[in-house]
């Protein structure tokens, strides 16, 4: 049986240099019902668990902002490398 290429790891990074992942838009989440918020949080937890349990090394190449859930994504990775201008956690 022929199989596809073997994936040995993954790199997560943002598009451009403005942000790695800026987290959720809190103004839009304020409009959610309790059930929608629960589904949103569950989806985020599923993503983080998938990254953490991938079984392959995952590198977060952080450029720009990594805020809120974006920082959680970086922390779920096996390794993190941040550009000098990266901002982790807040915009200050």
N, C-alpha and C. Protein backbone atom coordinates (compact mmCIF):
# COMPACT_ATOMS: atom_id res chain seq x y z
N UNK A 1 0.84 -1.17 0.00
CA UNK A 1 0.00 0.00 0.00
C UNK A 1 0.89 1.24 0.00
N UNK A 2 0.62 2.13 -0.91
CA UNK A 2 1.38 3.38 -0.98
C UNK A 2 0.77 4.39 -0.03
N UNK A 3 1.60 5.04 0.72
CA UNK A 3 1.15 6.07 1.65
C UNK A 3 1.70 7.42 1.24
N UNK A 4 1.07 8.47 1.76
CA UNK A 4 1.52 9.83 1.49
C UNK A 4 2.79 10.15 2.26
N UNK A 5 3.26 11.36 2.11
CA UNK A 5 4.49 11.77 2.81
C UNK A 5 4.31 11.72 4.33
N UNK A 6 5.39 11.42 5.01
CA UNK A 6 5.38 11.37 6.46
C UNK A 6 5.55 12.79 7.00
N UNK A 7 4.65 13.18 7.86
CA UNK A 7 4.75 14.50 8.48
C UNK A 7 5.50 14.34 9.79
N UNK A 8 6.58 15.08 9.94
CA UNK A 8 7.42 14.93 11.14
C UNK A 8 7.20 16.02 12.16
N UNK A 9 6.49 17.06 11.78
CA UNK A 9 6.23 18.17 12.69
C UNK A 9 5.42 19.23 11.98
N UNK A 10 5.12 20.30 12.70
CA UNK A 10 4.33 21.38 12.12
C UNK A 10 4.84 22.72 12.65
N UNK A 11 4.64 23.76 11.86
CA UNK A 11 4.97 25.12 12.27
C UNK A 11 3.70 25.95 12.17
N UNK A 12 3.35 26.61 13.25
CA UNK A 12 2.21 27.53 13.26
C UNK A 12 2.75 28.96 13.31
N UNK A 13 2.26 29.80 12.42
CA UNK A 13 2.66 31.20 12.42
C UNK A 13 1.53 32.04 11.85
N UNK A 14 1.59 33.33 12.07
CA UNK A 14 0.58 34.22 11.53
C UNK A 14 0.93 34.65 10.12
N UNK A 15 -0.06 35.17 9.41
CA UNK A 15 0.19 35.71 8.08
C UNK A 15 0.69 37.14 8.25
N UNK A 16 1.84 37.45 7.69
CA UNK A 16 2.40 38.78 7.84
C UNK A 16 3.12 38.93 9.17
N UNK A 17 3.38 40.17 9.56
CA UNK A 17 4.15 40.39 10.79
C UNK A 17 3.36 41.13 11.86
N UNK A 18 2.05 41.34 11.65
CA UNK A 18 1.25 42.08 12.63
C UNK A 18 0.89 41.22 13.83
N UNK A 19 0.53 39.95 13.58
CA UNK A 19 0.16 39.11 14.71
C UNK A 19 0.34 37.64 14.40
N UNK A 20 0.62 36.89 15.45
CA UNK A 20 0.62 35.43 15.41
C UNK A 20 -0.83 34.98 15.49
N UNK A 21 -1.50 35.39 16.56
CA UNK A 21 -2.94 35.18 16.74
C UNK A 21 -3.36 36.15 17.83
N UNK A 22 -4.25 37.04 17.48
CA UNK A 22 -4.64 38.11 18.41
C UNK A 22 -5.74 37.69 19.37
N UNK A 23 -6.20 36.46 19.31
CA UNK A 23 -7.25 36.00 20.21
C UNK A 23 -8.62 36.35 19.67
N UNK A 24 -9.63 36.10 20.47
CA UNK A 24 -11.02 36.31 20.05
C UNK A 24 -11.37 37.79 20.02
N UNK A 25 -12.30 38.13 19.16
CA UNK A 25 -12.85 39.47 19.13
C UNK A 25 -13.90 39.54 20.23
N UNK A 26 -13.54 40.13 21.36
CA UNK A 26 -14.42 40.13 22.52
C UNK A 26 -15.72 40.88 22.29
N UNK A 27 -15.72 41.85 21.37
CA UNK A 27 -16.98 42.55 21.09
C UNK A 27 -17.99 41.62 20.43
N UNK A 28 -17.53 40.67 19.63
CA UNK A 28 -18.47 39.74 19.00
C UNK A 28 -18.88 38.63 19.97
N UNK A 29 -17.98 38.24 20.86
CA UNK A 29 -18.34 37.18 21.82
C UNK A 29 -19.34 37.71 22.86
N UNK A 30 -19.37 39.00 23.08
CA UNK A 30 -20.33 39.57 24.03
C UNK A 30 -21.77 39.41 23.54
N UNK A 31 -21.95 39.21 22.25
CA UNK A 31 -23.27 39.04 21.67
C UNK A 31 -23.76 37.59 21.71
N UNK A 32 -22.91 36.67 22.14
CA UNK A 32 -23.27 35.25 22.12
C UNK A 32 -24.21 34.88 23.27
N UNK A 33 -25.04 33.88 23.00
CA UNK A 33 -25.84 33.30 24.08
C UNK A 33 -24.93 32.41 24.91
N UNK A 34 -25.41 31.96 26.04
CA UNK A 34 -24.62 31.08 26.90
C UNK A 34 -24.23 29.81 26.16
N UNK A 35 -25.14 29.25 25.39
CA UNK A 35 -24.85 28.01 24.65
C UNK A 35 -23.84 28.27 23.54
N UNK A 36 -23.95 29.40 22.86
CA UNK A 36 -22.97 29.74 21.82
C UNK A 36 -21.59 29.95 22.43
N UNK A 37 -21.53 30.61 23.57
CA UNK A 37 -20.25 30.83 24.25
C UNK A 37 -19.64 29.49 24.68
N UNK A 38 -20.49 28.60 25.17
CA UNK A 38 -20.00 27.27 25.58
C UNK A 38 -19.45 26.51 24.37
N UNK A 39 -20.14 26.55 23.24
CA UNK A 39 -19.65 25.90 22.02
C UNK A 39 -18.34 26.51 21.55
N UNK A 40 -18.24 27.84 21.63
CA UNK A 40 -17.02 28.53 21.23
C UNK A 40 -15.85 28.10 22.10
N UNK A 41 -16.06 28.05 23.41
CA UNK A 41 -15.00 27.64 24.34
C UNK A 41 -14.62 26.17 24.13
N UNK A 42 -15.61 25.35 23.87
CA UNK A 42 -15.34 23.93 23.63
C UNK A 42 -14.51 23.73 22.37
N UNK A 43 -14.81 24.50 21.33
CA UNK A 43 -14.03 24.41 20.08
C UNK A 43 -12.58 24.83 20.33
N UNK A 44 -12.38 25.88 21.12
CA UNK A 44 -11.02 26.32 21.45
C UNK A 44 -10.27 25.26 22.23
N UNK A 45 -10.93 24.64 23.19
CA UNK A 45 -10.31 23.58 23.98
C UNK A 45 -9.95 22.39 23.10
N UNK A 46 -10.84 22.07 22.15
CA UNK A 46 -10.56 20.96 21.23
C UNK A 46 -9.31 21.25 20.40
N UNK A 47 -9.18 22.48 19.91
CA UNK A 47 -8.00 22.86 19.14
C UNK A 47 -6.73 22.73 19.97
N UNK A 48 -6.76 23.25 21.20
CA UNK A 48 -5.58 23.19 22.07
C UNK A 48 -5.20 21.75 22.39
N UNK A 49 -6.18 20.92 22.65
CA UNK A 49 -5.93 19.50 22.94
C UNK A 49 -5.33 18.81 21.73
N UNK A 50 -5.83 19.14 20.54
CA UNK A 50 -5.30 18.54 19.32
C UNK A 50 -3.83 18.91 19.13
N UNK A 51 -3.49 20.17 19.35
CA UNK A 51 -2.10 20.59 19.21
C UNK A 51 -1.22 19.88 20.24
N UNK A 52 -1.69 19.86 21.48
CA UNK A 52 -0.90 19.26 22.56
C UNK A 52 -0.69 17.76 22.39
N UNK A 53 -1.66 17.07 21.80
CA UNK A 53 -1.59 15.61 21.72
C UNK A 53 -1.29 15.10 20.31
N UNK A 54 -0.78 15.95 19.45
CA UNK A 54 -0.51 15.58 18.07
C UNK A 54 0.47 14.41 17.95
N UNK A 55 1.39 14.32 18.88
CA UNK A 55 2.39 13.26 18.79
C UNK A 55 3.57 13.62 17.91
N UNK A 56 3.58 14.82 17.42
CA UNK A 56 4.67 15.37 16.61
C UNK A 56 5.03 16.73 17.18
N UNK A 57 6.27 17.17 17.03
CA UNK A 57 6.61 18.50 17.52
C UNK A 57 5.89 19.59 16.73
N UNK A 58 5.38 20.57 17.46
CA UNK A 58 4.72 21.71 16.85
C UNK A 58 5.44 22.97 17.32
N UNK A 59 5.90 23.77 16.36
CA UNK A 59 6.63 25.00 16.65
C UNK A 59 5.70 26.19 16.45
N UNK A 60 5.62 27.06 17.44
CA UNK A 60 4.92 28.33 17.29
C UNK A 60 5.96 29.38 16.92
N UNK A 61 5.88 29.91 15.71
CA UNK A 61 6.76 30.98 15.25
C UNK A 61 5.99 32.28 15.46
N UNK A 62 6.23 32.93 16.59
CA UNK A 62 5.43 34.08 17.01
C UNK A 62 6.02 35.36 16.45
N UNK A 63 5.21 36.04 15.66
CA UNK A 63 5.57 37.34 15.08
C UNK A 63 4.43 38.29 15.40
N UNK A 64 4.72 39.43 15.95
CA UNK A 64 3.66 40.37 16.31
C UNK A 64 2.96 39.95 17.59
N UNK A 65 1.65 40.15 17.64
CA UNK A 65 0.88 39.89 18.86
C UNK A 65 0.47 38.43 18.99
N UNK A 66 0.56 37.91 20.21
CA UNK A 66 -0.01 36.62 20.59
C UNK A 66 -0.80 36.91 21.86
N UNK A 67 -2.09 37.17 21.70
CA UNK A 67 -2.92 37.64 22.80
C UNK A 67 -4.01 36.63 23.13
N UNK A 68 -4.42 36.57 24.37
CA UNK A 68 -5.55 35.73 24.79
C UNK A 68 -5.43 34.31 24.28
N UNK A 69 -6.44 33.89 23.49
CA UNK A 69 -6.44 32.55 22.92
C UNK A 69 -5.26 32.31 22.00
N UNK A 70 -4.75 33.36 21.37
CA UNK A 70 -3.56 33.23 20.54
C UNK A 70 -2.35 32.83 21.36
N UNK A 71 -2.23 33.39 22.55
CA UNK A 71 -1.14 33.01 23.44
C UNK A 71 -1.33 31.57 23.91
N UNK A 72 -2.58 31.18 24.16
CA UNK A 72 -2.86 29.80 24.55
C UNK A 72 -2.45 28.83 23.45
N UNK A 73 -2.68 29.20 22.19
CA UNK A 73 -2.26 28.35 21.08
C UNK A 73 -0.74 28.20 21.09
N UNK A 74 -0.03 29.31 21.26
CA UNK A 74 1.44 29.24 21.31
C UNK A 74 1.90 28.36 22.46
N UNK A 75 1.26 28.49 23.61
CA UNK A 75 1.65 27.70 24.78
C UNK A 75 1.34 26.21 24.60
N UNK A 76 0.36 25.87 23.76
CA UNK A 76 0.03 24.47 23.50
C UNK A 76 1.08 23.80 22.62
N UNK A 77 1.87 24.60 21.92
CA UNK A 77 2.90 24.05 21.03
C UNK A 77 4.07 23.49 21.83
N UNK A 78 4.80 22.60 21.19
CA UNK A 78 5.96 21.98 21.82
C UNK A 78 7.08 22.99 22.04
N UNK A 79 7.29 23.84 21.05
CA UNK A 79 8.34 24.86 21.10
C UNK A 79 7.76 26.19 20.67
N UNK A 80 8.34 27.27 21.18
CA UNK A 80 7.94 28.62 20.81
C UNK A 80 9.19 29.43 20.48
N UNK A 81 9.14 30.11 19.36
CA UNK A 81 10.22 31.03 18.97
C UNK A 81 9.53 32.35 18.68
N UNK A 82 10.01 33.42 19.31
CA UNK A 82 9.37 34.72 19.14
C UNK A 82 10.33 35.71 18.49
N UNK A 83 9.80 36.48 17.55
CA UNK A 83 10.56 37.57 16.96
C UNK A 83 10.81 38.62 18.05
N UNK A 84 11.83 39.40 17.88
CA UNK A 84 12.17 40.41 18.88
C UNK A 84 11.01 41.37 19.14
N UNK A 85 10.24 41.68 18.10
CA UNK A 85 9.12 42.61 18.26
C UNK A 85 7.82 41.93 18.66
N UNK A 86 7.83 40.63 18.92
CA UNK A 86 6.62 39.92 19.34
C UNK A 86 6.13 40.44 20.69
N UNK A 87 4.83 40.45 20.84
CA UNK A 87 4.20 40.87 22.11
C UNK A 87 3.29 39.75 22.58
N UNK A 88 3.60 39.22 23.74
CA UNK A 88 2.86 38.08 24.28
C UNK A 88 1.98 38.53 25.44
N UNK A 89 0.71 38.25 25.37
CA UNK A 89 -0.19 38.48 26.51
C UNK A 89 -0.96 39.77 26.49
N UNK A 90 -0.35 40.89 26.17
CA UNK A 90 -1.07 42.16 26.14
C UNK A 90 -0.43 43.09 25.11
N UNK A 91 -1.05 44.22 24.89
CA UNK A 91 -0.58 45.13 23.85
C UNK A 91 0.40 46.19 24.33
N UNK A 92 0.81 46.13 25.55
CA UNK A 92 1.72 47.16 26.09
C UNK A 92 3.12 47.00 25.60
